[in-house]
């Protein structure tokens, strides 16, 4: 089901229960309010179902692989079953590998380390730093930000047409922008890559929590995502896809678990025979609970039904965008335009406001958690803002005093666990702050705007 054709019907499904849904936070103006977590694009709250599954397993936690004890065998089965669950969730092909990592960033750095010699990499400047920066040992071509799906495909085709068709090449593309929430034409980009003899990896960190992702249907070679954006805690990630480059590469980490056989040589050195399966890149004791939490989240989202989840999120997106459109001082950032399909990630700027000041007021006066800055996608945000990179500070740091023009942006993001009241409160808070100003004084401390409590 396409997000652009889903009916905006808030009754499609209720929010999924998440941890922290009843947490209250103090307001600088007095009293407390239930915290509105609207920073899902950074870390989504853990699903209650995931937490319950982990709690039920925790007493049985043990070492994995080769342990003779009951808990070790149970944990090994759980770990490998988690791998199969993730493969099913991603629609992997029969010969694909699922490697557990620490995050999307870790997954893409692993793949970067496995690239064949002289591999060319093509990546749009619009990528998150996790997919923009890992390719240090490859010849990288950075592509300009496109302004439509068609332009994205045409830009890639022109770039690929100029390379040696016999050499290895990789295209890296996001599924949904962590800045604008806009969906990218992944299937069309995959077709263009393959038509020119290149492979493609999908950064699904922002896509997988909101839409079904199928490696086979999208015809991508690899997909990477993070558990902490998929409603699963404990710092785990996944790299799934073709086995050949991973099997032929040196292990990402050298150590126990990656090695199948180690022997001393007569000259005093050692010979190592490495595993050829996913274990080759999973040296050390793996994060069993992290892998299990990802698998639990995959099951929970599948059982909830992505059609219903997408429909409800579409309703929330329309509520936020419509509310912001009623405030003339607000400008929503977009590459592909208002009608582009998107997930629940919206970035904007407010005329006359420093973004850090605005975000601080949302938190301190309304109990709303959003994010401000450049969102670890500096080139993209600078392109959208038309700003000079020489005047920018670090991600999240204000470049102007409260009340002056901002050179960064504000991001609101939400998902399967977001209640209607949170987005309603957010829209109301934006209106009130723009119309009436902040009720409190703020100052800059360690590069951030914070309430001034010195009086």
Protein backbone atom coordinates (compact mmCIF):
# COMPACT_ATOMS: atom_id res chain seq x y z
CA UNK A 1 0.00 0.00 0.00
CA UNK A 2 1.40 3.38 -0.98
CA UNK A 3 1.56 5.96 1.79
CA UNK A 4 0.24 8.57 -0.64
CA UNK A 5 -2.97 6.63 -1.21
CA UNK A 6 -3.78 5.61 2.37
CA UNK A 7 -6.94 7.18 3.75
CA UNK A 8 -6.33 9.61 6.59
CA UNK A 9 -8.34 7.74 9.20
CA UNK A 10 -7.27 8.00 12.82
CA UNK A 11 -9.47 5.04 13.76
CA UNK A 12 -7.36 2.61 11.69
CA UNK A 13 -5.45 1.51 14.78
CA UNK A 14 -4.54 2.69 18.24
CA UNK A 15 -0.97 3.66 19.18
CA UNK A 16 1.16 0.68 20.09
CA UNK A 17 2.04 0.62 23.82
CA UNK A 18 5.56 1.92 24.43
CA UNK A 19 7.73 2.41 27.49
CA UNK A 20 7.58 5.88 28.97
CA UNK A 21 4.06 6.64 27.79
CA UNK A 22 3.02 7.68 31.30
CA UNK A 23 6.22 9.48 32.33
CA UNK A 24 5.62 13.01 33.60
CA UNK A 25 8.17 15.84 33.41
CA UNK A 26 8.33 19.19 35.23
CA UNK A 27 7.56 22.44 33.42
CA UNK A 28 9.66 25.50 34.09
CA UNK A 29 6.43 27.49 34.47
CA UNK A 30 5.22 25.13 37.22
CA UNK A 31 3.48 21.78 37.44
CA UNK A 32 4.05 18.59 35.47
CA UNK A 33 2.81 17.13 32.21
CA UNK A 34 2.99 13.77 30.48
CA UNK A 35 6.11 13.77 28.32
CA UNK A 36 5.47 14.01 24.58
CA UNK A 37 8.31 12.06 22.94
CA UNK A 38 8.50 13.48 19.43
CA UNK A 39 12.10 12.56 18.62
CA UNK A 40 11.47 9.09 17.16
CA UNK A 41 13.91 9.69 14.30
CA UNK A 42 16.78 9.73 16.81
CA UNK A 43 15.62 6.91 19.11
CA UNK A 44 12.11 5.53 19.23
CA UNK A 45 10.77 4.43 22.63
CA UNK A 46 10.87 0.69 23.15
CA UNK A 47 7.66 -1.17 22.52
CA UNK A 48 6.15 -2.59 25.70
CA UNK A 49 5.92 -5.94 23.90
CA UNK A 50 9.67 -5.89 23.26
CA UNK A 51 10.45 -5.01 26.86
CA UNK A 52 8.19 -7.77 28.15
CA UNK A 53 9.82 -10.33 25.86
CA UNK A 54 13.30 -9.30 26.99
CA UNK A 55 12.27 -9.37 30.66
CA UNK A 56 10.89 -12.88 30.24
CA UNK A 57 14.14 -14.09 28.67
CA UNK A 58 16.57 -12.23 30.97
CA UNK A 59 16.72 -14.90 33.74
CA UNK A 60 17.73 -17.43 31.09
CA UNK A 61 20.48 -15.27 29.59
CA UNK A 62 23.67 -17.17 28.85
CA UNK A 63 26.64 -17.42 26.53
CA UNK A 64 26.02 -18.31 22.90
CA UNK A 65 27.62 -20.85 20.56
CA UNK A 66 29.51 -23.90 21.77
CA UNK A 67 28.31 -23.70 25.37
CA UNK A 68 27.30 -27.09 26.78
CA UNK A 69 24.95 -25.79 29.45
CA UNK A 70 21.19 -25.51 29.09
CA UNK A 71 21.09 -21.70 29.27
CA UNK A 72 23.86 -21.43 26.70
CA UNK A 73 22.01 -23.69 24.30
CA UNK A 74 18.77 -21.82 24.90
CA UNK A 75 20.47 -18.48 24.26
CA UNK A 76 22.13 -19.82 21.12
CA UNK A 77 18.79 -20.99 19.76
CA UNK A 78 17.23 -17.64 20.62
CA UNK A 79 20.07 -15.75 18.90
CA UNK A 80 19.90 -17.78 15.70
CA UNK A 81 16.09 -17.72 15.67
CA UNK A 82 16.34 -13.93 15.92
CA UNK A 83 18.47 -13.99 12.77
CA UNK A 84 15.79 -15.98 10.95
CA UNK A 85 13.04 -13.65 12.19
CA UNK A 86 14.92 -10.61 10.88
CA UNK A 87 15.51 -12.31 7.53
CA UNK A 88 11.79 -12.96 7.22
CA UNK A 89 10.92 -9.40 8.28
CA UNK A 90 13.22 -8.04 5.56
CA UNK A 91 12.05 -10.42 2.86
CA UNK A 92 15.58 -11.73 2.38
CA UNK A 93 16.49 -14.13 -0.39
CA UNK A 94 17.41 -17.71 0.47
CA UNK A 95 21.17 -17.16 0.18
CA UNK A 96 21.31 -13.75 1.91
CA UNK A 97 23.20 -13.31 5.17
CA UNK A 98 21.94 -11.45 8.24
CA UNK A 99 24.79 -9.99 10.30
CA UNK A 100 24.08 -8.45 13.71
CA UNK A 101 25.96 -5.20 14.30
CA UNK A 102 25.76 -2.28 16.73
CA UNK A 103 23.78 0.13 14.53
CA UNK A 104 23.17 1.32 10.98
CA UNK A 105 26.46 3.21 11.18
CA UNK A 106 28.27 0.04 12.20
CA UNK A 107 26.55 -1.94 9.44
CA UNK A 108 27.60 0.46 6.71
CA UNK A 109 31.15 0.69 8.04
CA UNK A 110 31.25 -3.11 7.96
CA UNK A 111 30.14 -3.11 4.34
CA UNK A 112 32.66 -0.37 3.52
CA UNK A 113 35.42 -2.56 4.94
CA UNK A 114 34.24 -5.45 2.74
CA UNK A 115 34.31 -3.58 -0.57
CA UNK A 116 36.43 -5.16 -3.30
CA UNK A 117 39.60 -3.38 -4.34
CA UNK A 118 39.04 -0.37 -6.62
CA UNK A 119 35.32 -0.29 -5.84
CA UNK A 120 33.58 2.93 -6.86
CA UNK A 121 30.90 4.28 -4.48
CA UNK A 122 28.09 6.62 -5.47
CA UNK A 123 26.19 8.43 -2.74
CA UNK A 124 23.88 11.45 -2.73
CA UNK A 125 24.91 14.42 -0.59
CA UNK A 126 21.49 14.11 1.06
CA UNK A 127 22.47 11.04 3.06
CA UNK A 128 22.78 10.79 6.81
CA UNK A 129 26.43 10.81 7.87
CA UNK A 130 26.12 7.08 8.63
CA UNK A 131 25.84 6.40 4.91
CA UNK A 132 27.74 9.45 3.65
CA UNK A 133 31.04 8.98 5.48
CA UNK A 134 32.07 5.28 5.82
CA UNK A 135 33.60 4.95 2.35
CA UNK A 136 37.04 6.31 3.18
CA UNK A 137 39.06 3.65 1.33
CA UNK A 138 36.92 3.75 -1.81
CA UNK A 139 36.70 6.17 -4.70
CA UNK A 140 33.57 8.10 -3.84
CA UNK A 141 31.37 10.22 -6.10
CA UNK A 142 29.05 12.53 -4.18
CA UNK A 143 25.89 13.35 -6.12
CA UNK A 144 24.02 16.65 -5.83
CA UNK A 145 20.68 16.76 -4.05
CA UNK A 146 17.85 15.96 -6.49
CA UNK A 147 14.52 17.80 -6.40
CA UNK A 148 12.33 14.94 -7.62
CA UNK A 149 12.32 11.15 -7.81
CA UNK A 150 12.91 11.35 -11.54
CA UNK A 151 15.87 13.66 -11.09
CA UNK A 152 17.35 11.27 -8.51
CA UNK A 153 17.25 8.36 -10.95
CA UNK A 154 18.55 10.45 -13.86
CA UNK A 155 21.39 11.84 -11.74
CA UNK A 156 22.46 8.35 -10.73
CA UNK A 157 22.25 7.04 -14.29
CA UNK A 158 24.47 9.86 -15.60
CA UNK A 159 27.05 9.21 -12.88
CA UNK A 160 27.11 5.46 -13.47
CA UNK A 161 27.33 5.85 -17.24
CA UNK A 162 30.76 7.45 -16.88
CA UNK A 163 32.43 4.60 -15.00
CA UNK A 164 34.24 1.45 -16.07
CA UNK A 165 31.38 -1.08 -16.39
CA UNK A 166 33.70 -3.97 -15.56
CA UNK A 167 34.84 -2.67 -12.19
CA UNK A 168 32.96 -3.10 -8.90
CA UNK A 169 30.62 -0.30 -7.89
CA UNK A 170 28.20 0.37 -5.06
CA UNK A 171 25.34 2.83 -4.74
CA UNK A 172 24.25 3.85 -1.25
CA UNK A 173 20.83 5.44 -0.77
CA UNK A 174 18.43 6.14 2.07
CA UNK A 175 14.90 4.78 2.08
CA UNK A 176 13.41 7.74 3.96
CA UNK A 177 15.19 10.97 4.79
CA UNK A 178 16.00 11.55 8.45
CA UNK A 179 15.52 15.29 7.79
CA UNK A 180 12.43 15.61 5.59
CA UNK A 181 10.86 12.17 6.05
CA UNK A 182 10.46 11.92 2.28
CA UNK A 183 10.56 8.47 0.68
CA UNK A 184 13.17 7.83 -1.99
CA UNK A 185 12.56 5.83 -5.21
CA UNK A 186 14.55 2.83 -4.00
CA UNK A 187 13.23 0.29 -6.51
CA UNK A 188 13.95 2.61 -9.46
CA UNK A 189 17.42 3.46 -8.14
CA UNK A 190 18.15 -0.25 -7.69
CA UNK A 191 17.12 -0.91 -11.27
CA UNK A 192 19.37 1.89 -12.51
CA UNK A 193 22.30 0.60 -10.45
CA UNK A 194 21.93 -2.96 -11.70
CA UNK A 195 21.49 -1.84 -15.29
CA UNK A 196 24.96 -0.30 -15.07
CA UNK A 197 26.56 -3.25 -13.30
CA UNK A 198 26.58 -1.69 -9.84
CA UNK A 199 25.23 -2.96 -6.54
CA UNK A 200 23.10 -1.00 -4.08
CA UNK A 201 22.78 -0.81 -0.31
CA UNK A 202 19.68 0.64 1.33
CA UNK A 203 19.95 2.66 4.52
CA UNK A 204 16.59 1.70 6.02
CA UNK A 205 17.12 3.26 9.44
CA UNK A 206 14.18 5.64 8.95
CA UNK A 207 12.18 3.42 6.58
CA UNK A 208 11.95 0.08 8.40
CA UNK A 209 10.12 1.45 11.49
CA UNK A 210 7.40 2.97 9.28
CA UNK A 211 7.01 0.81 6.16
CA UNK A 212 7.58 -2.81 5.19
CA UNK A 213 11.00 -3.37 3.64
CA UNK A 214 11.65 -6.32 1.33
CA UNK A 215 15.15 -6.95 0.04
CA UNK A 216 13.74 -9.17 -2.70
CA UNK A 217 10.90 -6.87 -3.80
CA UNK A 218 13.05 -3.73 -3.81
CA UNK A 219 15.84 -5.73 -5.48
CA UNK A 220 18.55 -4.19 -3.31
CA UNK A 221 21.77 -6.02 -2.57
CA UNK A 222 21.97 -5.06 1.11
CA UNK A 223 19.87 -3.32 3.71
CA UNK A 224 21.02 -1.76 6.98
CA UNK A 225 18.99 -0.55 9.95
CA UNK A 226 19.18 0.07 13.70
CA UNK A 227 17.21 -1.49 16.53
CA UNK A 228 16.96 1.76 18.47
CA UNK A 229 14.85 3.29 15.72
CA UNK A 230 12.74 0.13 15.41
CA UNK A 231 11.37 0.30 18.98
CA UNK A 232 14.08 -2.02 20.31
CA UNK A 233 16.67 -1.02 22.95
CA UNK A 234 20.21 -2.24 23.66
CA UNK A 235 22.22 -0.88 20.71
CA UNK A 236 21.96 -3.49 17.99
CA UNK A 237 21.75 -3.20 14.24
CA UNK A 238 21.53 -5.34 11.13
CA UNK A 239 23.30 -5.68 7.81
CA UNK A 240 21.45 -8.13 5.57
CA UNK A 241 22.00 -9.11 1.96
CA UNK A 242 24.36 -10.73 -0.49
CA UNK A 243 26.98 -13.02 1.02
CA UNK A 244 29.80 -12.94 -1.54
CA UNK A 245 31.56 -9.64 -0.71
CA UNK A 246 31.10 -10.33 3.01
CA UNK A 247 32.45 -13.86 2.68
CA UNK A 248 35.50 -12.75 0.69
CA UNK A 249 36.42 -9.82 2.95
CA UNK A 250 38.69 -9.89 5.95
CA UNK A 251 36.63 -10.14 9.17
CA UNK A 252 35.33 -6.78 10.35
CA UNK A 253 36.79 -7.62 13.78
CA UNK A 254 39.42 -10.29 14.38
CA UNK A 255 38.78 -12.54 17.33
CA UNK A 256 36.85 -15.42 18.82
CA UNK A 257 33.64 -16.36 17.06
CA UNK A 258 34.88 -15.14 13.67
CA UNK A 259 37.60 -17.80 13.54
CA UNK A 260 36.83 -21.43 12.73
CA UNK A 261 40.38 -22.79 13.19
CA UNK A 262 43.63 -21.25 14.47
CA UNK A 263 46.96 -23.13 14.35
CA UNK A 264 50.57 -22.28 15.15
CA UNK A 265 53.06 -22.40 12.31
CA UNK A 266 56.58 -23.74 12.51
CA UNK A 267 57.93 -20.20 12.14
CA UNK A 268 56.05 -19.14 15.27
CA UNK A 269 53.19 -17.34 13.56
CA UNK A 270 49.55 -18.40 13.33
CA UNK A 271 47.28 -19.50 10.50
CA UNK A 272 43.61 -18.61 10.75
CA UNK A 273 40.66 -20.17 8.99
CA UNK A 274 37.72 -17.76 9.18
CA UNK A 275 34.03 -18.61 9.10
CA UNK A 276 32.26 -17.94 5.80
CA UNK A 277 28.82 -17.29 7.28
CA UNK A 278 27.59 -14.28 9.28
CA UNK A 279 29.82 -15.27 12.21
CA UNK A 280 32.81 -14.07 10.14
CA UNK A 281 31.83 -10.48 11.03
CA UNK A 282 30.45 -11.08 14.53
CA UNK A 283 33.63 -11.62 16.53
CA UNK A 284 33.39 -11.48 20.31
CA UNK A 285 30.42 -12.24 22.52
CA UNK A 286 27.38 -11.01 20.60
CA UNK A 287 24.66 -8.77 21.97
CA UNK A 288 22.11 -11.56 22.39
CA UNK A 289 19.51 -9.40 24.11
CA UNK A 290 19.93 -6.70 21.46
CA UNK A 291 19.39 -9.21 18.66
CA UNK A 292 16.40 -10.70 20.47
CA UNK A 293 14.87 -7.26 21.01
CA UNK A 294 15.14 -6.49 17.28
CA UNK A 295 13.45 -9.79 16.45
CA UNK A 296 10.70 -9.07 18.98
CA UNK A 297 10.12 -5.64 17.42
CA UNK A 298 9.97 -7.20 13.94
CA UNK A 299 7.29 -9.60 15.15
CA UNK A 300 5.32 -6.88 16.92
CA UNK A 301 5.22 -4.59 13.88
CA UNK A 302 4.33 -7.46 11.57
CA UNK A 303 1.49 -8.58 13.83
CA UNK A 304 0.18 -5.03 14.21
CA UNK A 305 0.04 -4.78 10.41
CA UNK A 306 1.91 -2.17 8.43
CA UNK A 307 -1.20 -1.17 6.48
CA UNK A 308 -2.88 -0.01 9.69
CA UNK A 309 0.31 1.56 11.07
CA UNK A 310 0.97 3.47 7.84
CA UNK A 311 -2.62 4.69 7.70
CA UNK A 312 -2.53 6.05 11.22
CA UNK A 313 0.86 7.66 10.73
CA UNK A 314 -0.43 9.30 7.57
CA UNK A 315 -3.18 10.85 9.67
CA UNK A 316 -0.65 12.20 12.17
CA UNK A 317 1.53 13.59 9.38
CA UNK A 318 -1.42 15.44 7.90
CA UNK A 319 -2.36 16.84 11.32
CA UNK A 320 1.13 18.21 11.91
CA UNK A 321 1.64 19.57 8.41
CA UNK A 322 -1.78 21.20 8.37
CA UNK A 323 -1.18 22.77 11.76
CA UNK A 324 2.24 24.13 10.79
CA UNK A 325 0.82 25.46 7.50
CA UNK A 326 -1.47 27.73 9.51
CA UNK A 327 1.54 29.53 10.99
CA UNK A 328 3.03 31.84 8.30
CA UNK A 329 6.33 32.11 10.14
CA UNK A 330 6.96 28.35 9.81
CA UNK A 331 8.72 26.92 6.76
CA UNK A 332 8.76 23.12 6.35
CA UNK A 333 11.90 21.75 4.70
CA UNK A 334 11.42 19.53 1.65
CA UNK A 335 13.34 18.20 -1.34
CA UNK A 336 10.52 16.68 -3.35
CA UNK A 337 7.60 18.99 -2.55
CA UNK A 338 4.41 18.94 -0.48
CA UNK A 339 2.88 15.96 -2.28
CA UNK A 340 5.86 13.64 -1.82
CA UNK A 341 5.15 10.46 0.16
CA UNK A 342 6.86 10.55 3.54
CA UNK A 343 7.16 9.03 6.99
CA UNK A 344 6.60 10.80 10.31
CA UNK A 345 9.70 13.00 10.19
CA UNK A 346 9.23 16.75 9.61
CA UNK A 347 11.89 19.47 9.85
CA UNK A 348 11.15 23.18 9.83
CA UNK A 349 12.42 26.62 10.72
CA UNK A 350 10.55 29.48 12.39
CA UNK A 351 11.14 33.02 11.20
CA UNK A 352 12.69 35.17 13.90
CA UNK A 353 13.60 32.21 16.12
CA UNK A 354 16.83 30.43 16.82
CA UNK A 355 16.01 26.74 16.48
CA UNK A 356 17.71 25.78 19.73
CA UNK A 357 15.71 28.44 21.57
CA UNK A 358 12.45 27.20 20.04
CA UNK A 359 13.19 23.55 20.88
CA UNK A 360 14.17 24.50 24.43
CA UNK A 361 10.87 26.34 24.92
CA UNK A 362 8.90 23.36 23.58
CA UNK A 363 10.58 21.19 26.18
CA UNK A 364 10.65 23.50 29.19
CA UNK A 365 7.19 25.05 28.78
CA UNK A 366 5.19 22.23 27.12
CA UNK A 367 6.96 18.96 27.96
CA UNK A 368 7.61 18.20 24.29
CA UNK A 369 10.85 16.54 23.19
CA UNK A 370 12.01 17.39 19.66
CA UNK A 371 15.47 17.81 18.11
CA UNK A 372 17.25 20.84 16.73
CA UNK A 373 20.43 21.18 14.71
CA UNK A 374 21.70 19.66 11.47
CA UNK A 375 20.62 16.09 12.32
CA UNK A 376 23.90 14.43 11.27
CA UNK A 377 23.01 15.33 7.68
CA UNK A 378 24.91 18.60 7.38
CA UNK A 379 25.10 18.90 3.56
CA UNK A 380 21.37 18.21 3.17
CA UNK A 381 20.21 20.66 5.83
CA UNK A 382 22.54 23.35 4.50
CA UNK A 383 21.14 22.79 1.01
CA UNK A 384 17.57 23.06 2.28
CA UNK A 385 18.33 26.17 4.32
CA UNK A 386 20.53 27.76 1.65
CA UNK A 387 23.10 28.49 4.36
CA UNK A 388 26.83 29.06 4.17
CA UNK A 389 28.72 26.08 5.65
CA UNK A 390 31.45 28.44 6.88
CA UNK A 391 28.98 30.04 9.32
CA UNK A 392 27.59 26.80 10.71
CA UNK A 393 28.44 25.45 14.14
CA UNK A 394 28.45 21.85 15.25
CA UNK A 395 25.28 19.78 14.96
CA UNK A 396 22.80 21.05 17.54
CA UNK A 397 24.72 24.17 18.54
CA UNK A 398 23.00 27.52 18.14
CA UNK A 399 24.74 30.04 15.91
CA UNK A 400 22.72 33.02 17.11
CA UNK A 401 21.30 34.30 20.36
CA UNK A 402 17.67 33.53 21.24
CA UNK A 403 15.31 35.49 19.02
CA UNK A 404 17.73 35.88 16.11
CA UNK A 405 17.59 34.04 12.79
CA UNK A 406 18.56 30.37 13.04
CA UNK A 407 21.04 28.62 10.81
CA UNK A 408 19.85 25.16 11.77
CA UNK A 409 16.41 23.52 11.97
CA UNK A 410 13.89 21.86 14.27
CA UNK A 411 12.76 18.27 13.72
CA UNK A 412 9.59 16.66 15.00
CA UNK A 413 9.26 12.90 14.49
CA UNK A 414 6.74 10.30 15.57
CA UNK A 415 5.57 6.77 14.87
CA UNK A 416 3.64 3.73 15.98
CA UNK A 417 3.57 4.70 19.67
CA UNK A 418 2.57 8.36 19.31
CA UNK A 419 -0.81 9.35 20.81
CA UNK A 420 -2.95 11.98 19.07
CA UNK A 421 -2.58 14.27 22.09
CA UNK A 422 1.18 14.58 21.59
CA UNK A 423 0.90 15.97 18.06
CA UNK A 424 -2.07 18.15 19.07
CA UNK A 425 -0.05 19.62 21.94
CA UNK A 426 2.89 20.18 19.61
CA UNK A 427 0.83 22.08 17.03
CA UNK A 428 -0.77 24.18 19.77
CA UNK A 429 2.62 24.95 21.31
CA UNK A 430 4.05 26.11 17.98
CA UNK A 431 1.11 28.46 17.48
CA UNK A 432 1.41 29.89 20.98
CA UNK A 433 5.18 30.36 20.90
CA UNK A 434 5.06 32.14 17.54
CA UNK A 435 2.10 34.31 18.56
CA UNK A 436 3.01 35.12 22.17
CA UNK A 437 6.71 34.31 22.54
CA UNK A 438 8.33 32.23 25.25
CA UNK A 439 7.05 32.62 28.79
CA UNK A 440 10.53 32.16 30.25
CA UNK A 441 13.97 33.61 29.77
CA UNK A 442 16.65 31.40 28.21
CA UNK A 443 20.44 31.52 28.04
CA UNK A 444 23.16 29.65 26.19
CA UNK A 445 25.01 27.01 28.21
CA UNK A 446 27.59 24.64 26.73
CA UNK A 447 26.38 25.52 23.25
CA UNK A 448 22.69 24.96 23.94
CA UNK A 449 19.69 27.10 24.85
CA UNK A 450 18.41 26.30 28.35
CA UNK A 451 15.94 27.94 30.74
CA UNK A 452 17.57 30.65 32.82
CA UNK A 453 16.94 29.64 36.42
CA UNK A 454 19.47 32.06 37.94
CA UNK A 455 16.83 34.65 38.92
